[in-house]
Amino acid sequence: MINKIHRRFKELSDISSRIIIYGMRLSCLLMCVGLALHLLNVHAKYGSFYISLLSKYISEAAVSITAIIIIGGLAFDYYFKKHKSEQ
């Protein structure tokens, strides 16, 4: 199954694969920021409820961005391959 996903990813157009790669990097960066805030808050002497909520919202945003980027990149690839074949 992993080989099939890898093969399909190689078939994507260059711009679609770049959109997905850079979007995943952004999402991973946001997830790391959310995790770092959470760990700092948990191990701090006086943890803050607001920092806890902020780390939760940043992590949720990272997951949402991942879904949006993957769906958007695949839709972008489908759209341009469809219209390129019609020309």
N, C-alpha and C. Protein backbone atom coordinates (compact mmCIF):
# COMPACT_ATOMS: atom_id res chain seq x y z
N MET A 1 0.82 -1.18 0.00
CA MET A 1 0.00 0.00 0.00
C MET A 1 0.87 1.26 0.00
N ILE A 2 1.96 1.24 0.75
CA ILE A 2 2.86 2.39 0.80
C ILE A 2 3.47 2.62 -0.58
N ASN A 3 3.82 1.53 -1.26
CA ASN A 3 4.40 1.65 -2.61
C ASN A 3 3.39 2.27 -3.58
N LYS A 4 2.12 1.91 -3.42
CA LYS A 4 1.08 2.46 -4.29
C LYS A 4 0.92 3.96 -4.07
N ILE A 5 0.92 4.39 -2.81
CA ILE A 5 0.82 5.82 -2.49
C ILE A 5 2.04 6.56 -3.03
N HIS A 6 3.22 5.97 -2.85
CA HIS A 6 4.45 6.59 -3.35
C HIS A 6 4.43 6.72 -4.87
N ARG A 7 3.95 5.69 -5.55
CA ARG A 7 3.87 5.73 -7.01
C ARG A 7 2.88 6.80 -7.49
N ARG A 8 1.75 6.92 -6.80
CA ARG A 8 0.75 7.95 -7.16
C ARG A 8 1.30 9.34 -6.90
N PHE A 9 2.06 9.50 -5.83
CA PHE A 9 2.65 10.80 -5.53
C PHE A 9 3.66 11.21 -6.60
N LYS A 10 4.39 10.24 -7.13
CA LYS A 10 5.35 10.53 -8.21
C LYS A 10 4.65 10.95 -9.50
N GLU A 11 3.40 10.53 -9.68
CA GLU A 11 2.65 10.88 -10.88
C GLU A 11 2.06 12.29 -10.82
N LEU A 12 2.07 12.93 -9.67
CA LEU A 12 1.53 14.28 -9.55
C LEU A 12 2.37 15.27 -10.34
N SER A 13 1.74 16.35 -10.76
CA SER A 13 2.49 17.38 -11.44
C SER A 13 3.45 18.05 -10.46
N ASP A 14 4.42 18.76 -11.00
CA ASP A 14 5.46 19.37 -10.17
C ASP A 14 4.89 20.39 -9.19
N ILE A 15 4.00 21.23 -9.67
CA ILE A 15 3.45 22.28 -8.79
C ILE A 15 2.54 21.69 -7.70
N SER A 16 1.80 20.65 -8.03
CA SER A 16 0.95 20.01 -7.02
C SER A 16 1.78 19.34 -5.93
N SER A 17 2.84 18.67 -6.33
CA SER A 17 3.68 18.02 -5.33
C SER A 17 4.40 19.06 -4.47
N ARG A 18 4.77 20.19 -5.03
CA ARG A 18 5.38 21.25 -4.23
C ARG A 18 4.39 21.85 -3.24
N ILE A 19 3.15 22.03 -3.68
CA ILE A 19 2.11 22.54 -2.77
C ILE A 19 1.95 21.59 -1.59
N ILE A 20 1.90 20.31 -1.86
CA ILE A 20 1.72 19.33 -0.79
C ILE A 20 2.94 19.27 0.13
N ILE A 21 4.13 19.28 -0.45
CA ILE A 21 5.35 19.19 0.36
C ILE A 21 5.49 20.41 1.26
N TYR A 22 5.36 21.61 0.71
CA TYR A 22 5.52 22.81 1.54
C TYR A 22 4.39 22.97 2.54
N GLY A 23 3.20 22.55 2.18
CA GLY A 23 2.08 22.58 3.12
C GLY A 23 2.28 21.62 4.27
N MET A 24 2.82 20.45 3.99
CA MET A 24 3.10 19.49 5.06
C MET A 24 4.21 20.00 5.97
N ARG A 25 5.19 20.68 5.40
CA ARG A 25 6.24 21.27 6.23
C ARG A 25 5.68 22.33 7.16
N LEU A 26 4.79 23.17 6.64
CA LEU A 26 4.15 24.18 7.46
C LEU A 26 3.32 23.53 8.57
N SER A 27 2.60 22.50 8.22
CA SER A 27 1.77 21.81 9.19
C SER A 27 2.62 21.16 10.28
N CYS A 28 3.72 20.54 9.89
CA CYS A 28 4.62 19.93 10.89
C CYS A 28 5.24 20.99 11.79
N LEU A 29 5.58 22.14 11.22
CA LEU A 29 6.12 23.23 12.03
C LEU A 29 5.09 23.71 13.05
N LEU A 30 3.85 23.89 12.63
CA LEU A 30 2.80 24.30 13.56
C LEU A 30 2.55 23.24 14.63
N MET A 31 2.60 21.99 14.25
CA MET A 31 2.41 20.92 15.24
C MET A 31 3.54 20.92 16.26
N CYS A 32 4.77 21.15 15.81
CA CYS A 32 5.90 21.22 16.74
C CYS A 32 5.78 22.42 17.67
N VAL A 33 5.31 23.55 17.16
CA VAL A 33 5.10 24.73 18.01
C VAL A 33 4.03 24.44 19.06
N GLY A 34 2.94 23.83 18.65
CA GLY A 34 1.89 23.46 19.59
C GLY A 34 2.38 22.49 20.65
N LEU A 35 3.18 21.51 20.24
CA LEU A 35 3.72 20.54 21.18
C LEU A 35 4.69 21.20 22.15
N ALA A 36 5.55 22.09 21.63
CA ALA A 36 6.51 22.78 22.50
C ALA A 36 5.79 23.65 23.53
N LEU A 37 4.76 24.37 23.10
CA LEU A 37 3.99 25.18 24.04
C LEU A 37 3.33 24.31 25.10
N HIS A 38 2.79 23.19 24.68
CA HIS A 38 2.14 22.30 25.63
C HIS A 38 3.15 21.76 26.65
N LEU A 39 4.30 21.31 26.17
CA LEU A 39 5.30 20.76 27.08
C LEU A 39 5.85 21.83 28.03
N LEU A 40 6.07 23.04 27.51
CA LEU A 40 6.53 24.11 28.38
C LEU A 40 5.50 24.44 29.44
N ASN A 41 4.25 24.42 29.05
CA ASN A 41 3.18 24.73 29.99
C ASN A 41 3.02 23.64 31.06
N VAL A 42 3.15 22.40 30.64
CA VAL A 42 2.99 21.29 31.58
C VAL A 42 4.14 21.27 32.61
N HIS A 43 5.35 21.54 32.13
CA HIS A 43 6.52 21.44 33.01
C HIS A 43 6.87 22.77 33.68
N ALA A 44 6.11 23.81 33.42
CA ALA A 44 6.35 25.08 34.10
C ALA A 44 5.83 24.98 35.54
N LYS A 45 6.43 25.79 36.39
CA LYS A 45 6.00 25.77 37.79
C LYS A 45 4.56 26.25 37.93
N TYR A 46 4.21 27.28 37.20
CA TYR A 46 2.85 27.81 37.21
C TYR A 46 2.30 27.76 35.78
N GLY A 47 1.61 26.68 35.45
CA GLY A 47 1.04 26.53 34.12
C GLY A 47 -0.13 27.46 33.91
N SER A 48 -0.33 27.86 32.67
CA SER A 48 -1.40 28.79 32.34
C SER A 48 -2.48 28.06 31.53
N PHE A 49 -3.71 28.33 31.87
CA PHE A 49 -4.83 27.75 31.14
C PHE A 49 -4.87 28.29 29.71
N TYR A 50 -4.49 29.55 29.53
CA TYR A 50 -4.53 30.17 28.20
C TYR A 50 -3.46 29.58 27.28
N ILE A 51 -2.30 29.30 27.82
CA ILE A 51 -1.25 28.66 27.01
C ILE A 51 -1.69 27.25 26.62
N SER A 52 -2.36 26.58 27.53
CA SER A 52 -2.88 25.24 27.23
C SER A 52 -3.88 25.30 26.07
N LEU A 53 -4.79 26.26 26.13
CA LEU A 53 -5.76 26.41 25.04
C LEU A 53 -5.07 26.81 23.73
N LEU A 54 -4.09 27.70 23.82
CA LEU A 54 -3.37 28.13 22.62
C LEU A 54 -2.66 26.96 21.97
N SER A 55 -2.01 26.12 22.74
CA SER A 55 -1.32 24.96 22.17
C SER A 55 -2.32 23.99 21.54
N LYS A 56 -3.49 23.85 22.15
CA LYS A 56 -4.52 22.98 21.58
C LYS A 56 -5.02 23.53 20.25
N TYR A 57 -5.28 24.83 20.19
CA TYR A 57 -5.78 25.44 18.95
C TYR A 57 -4.74 25.41 17.84
N ILE A 58 -3.47 25.60 18.19
CA ILE A 58 -2.42 25.53 17.17
C ILE A 58 -2.32 24.11 16.61
N SER A 59 -2.42 23.11 17.47
CA SER A 59 -2.36 21.72 17.00
C SER A 59 -3.57 21.37 16.14
N GLU A 60 -4.75 21.85 16.52
CA GLU A 60 -5.94 21.62 15.70
C GLU A 60 -5.82 22.31 14.34
N ALA A 61 -5.24 23.50 14.33
CA ALA A 61 -5.04 24.21 13.07
C ALA A 61 -4.07 23.45 12.18
N ALA A 62 -3.05 22.85 12.77
CA ALA A 62 -2.08 22.08 11.99
C ALA A 62 -2.74 20.89 11.30
N VAL A 63 -3.62 20.21 12.01
CA VAL A 63 -4.32 19.07 11.41
C VAL A 63 -5.26 19.54 10.30
N SER A 64 -5.95 20.65 10.52
CA SER A 64 -6.85 21.20 9.50
C SER A 64 -6.07 21.64 8.27
N ILE A 65 -4.94 22.27 8.47
CA ILE A 65 -4.11 22.71 7.34
C ILE A 65 -3.61 21.51 6.55
N THR A 66 -3.27 20.44 7.24
CA THR A 66 -2.83 19.22 6.54
C THR A 66 -3.92 18.71 5.61
N ALA A 67 -5.13 18.63 6.12
CA ALA A 67 -6.24 18.14 5.29
C ALA A 67 -6.50 19.07 4.11
N ILE A 68 -6.49 20.37 4.37
CA ILE A 68 -6.76 21.34 3.30
C ILE A 68 -5.68 21.27 2.23
N ILE A 69 -4.43 21.18 2.64
CA ILE A 69 -3.32 21.15 1.69
C ILE A 69 -3.37 19.89 0.83
N ILE A 70 -3.62 18.75 1.45
CA ILE A 70 -3.65 17.50 0.68
C ILE A 70 -4.81 17.51 -0.31
N ILE A 71 -5.98 17.87 0.15
CA ILE A 71 -7.15 17.91 -0.74
C ILE A 71 -6.96 18.97 -1.82
N GLY A 72 -6.45 20.14 -1.44
CA GLY A 72 -6.22 21.20 -2.42
C GLY A 72 -5.18 20.84 -3.45
N GLY A 73 -4.09 20.20 -3.03
CA GLY A 73 -3.05 19.79 -3.98
C GLY A 73 -3.55 18.75 -4.96
N LEU A 74 -4.33 17.80 -4.46
CA LEU A 74 -4.87 16.77 -5.35
C LEU A 74 -5.92 17.35 -6.30
N ALA A 75 -6.75 18.27 -5.80
CA ALA A 75 -7.74 18.91 -6.67
C ALA A 75 -7.05 19.77 -7.73
N PHE A 76 -6.00 20.46 -7.33
CA PHE A 76 -5.23 21.28 -8.27
C PHE A 76 -4.64 20.40 -9.38
N ASP A 77 -4.09 19.25 -9.01
CA ASP A 77 -3.52 18.33 -9.99
C ASP A 77 -4.61 17.79 -10.92
N TYR A 78 -5.73 17.39 -10.36
CA TYR A 78 -6.83 16.86 -11.17
C TYR A 78 -7.34 17.90 -12.16
N TYR A 79 -7.51 19.13 -11.69
CA TYR A 79 -8.03 20.20 -12.53
C TYR A 79 -7.09 20.47 -13.71
N PHE A 80 -5.79 20.59 -13.44
CA PHE A 80 -4.87 20.92 -14.52
C PHE A 80 -4.62 19.75 -15.45
N LYS A 81 -4.67 18.53 -14.96
CA LYS A 81 -4.52 17.39 -15.86
C LYS A 81 -5.75 17.24 -16.75
N LYS A 82 -6.94 17.53 -16.20
CA LYS A 82 -8.17 17.44 -16.98
C LYS A 82 -8.19 18.49 -18.08
N HIS A 83 -7.85 19.72 -17.74
CA HIS A 83 -7.89 20.80 -18.73
C HIS A 83 -6.71 20.76 -19.69
N LYS A 84 -5.61 20.15 -19.29
CA LYS A 84 -4.48 20.00 -20.19
C LYS A 84 -4.79 18.97 -21.27
N SER A 85 -5.53 17.91 -20.90
CA SER A 85 -5.89 16.89 -21.87
C SER A 85 -6.95 17.38 -22.86
N GLU A 86 -7.75 18.38 -22.47
CA GLU A 86 -8.78 18.90 -23.36
C GLU A 86 -8.21 19.84 -24.42
N GLN A 87 -7.03 20.36 -24.18
CA GLN A 87 -6.45 21.31 -25.16
C GLN A 87 -5.79 20.61 -26.25
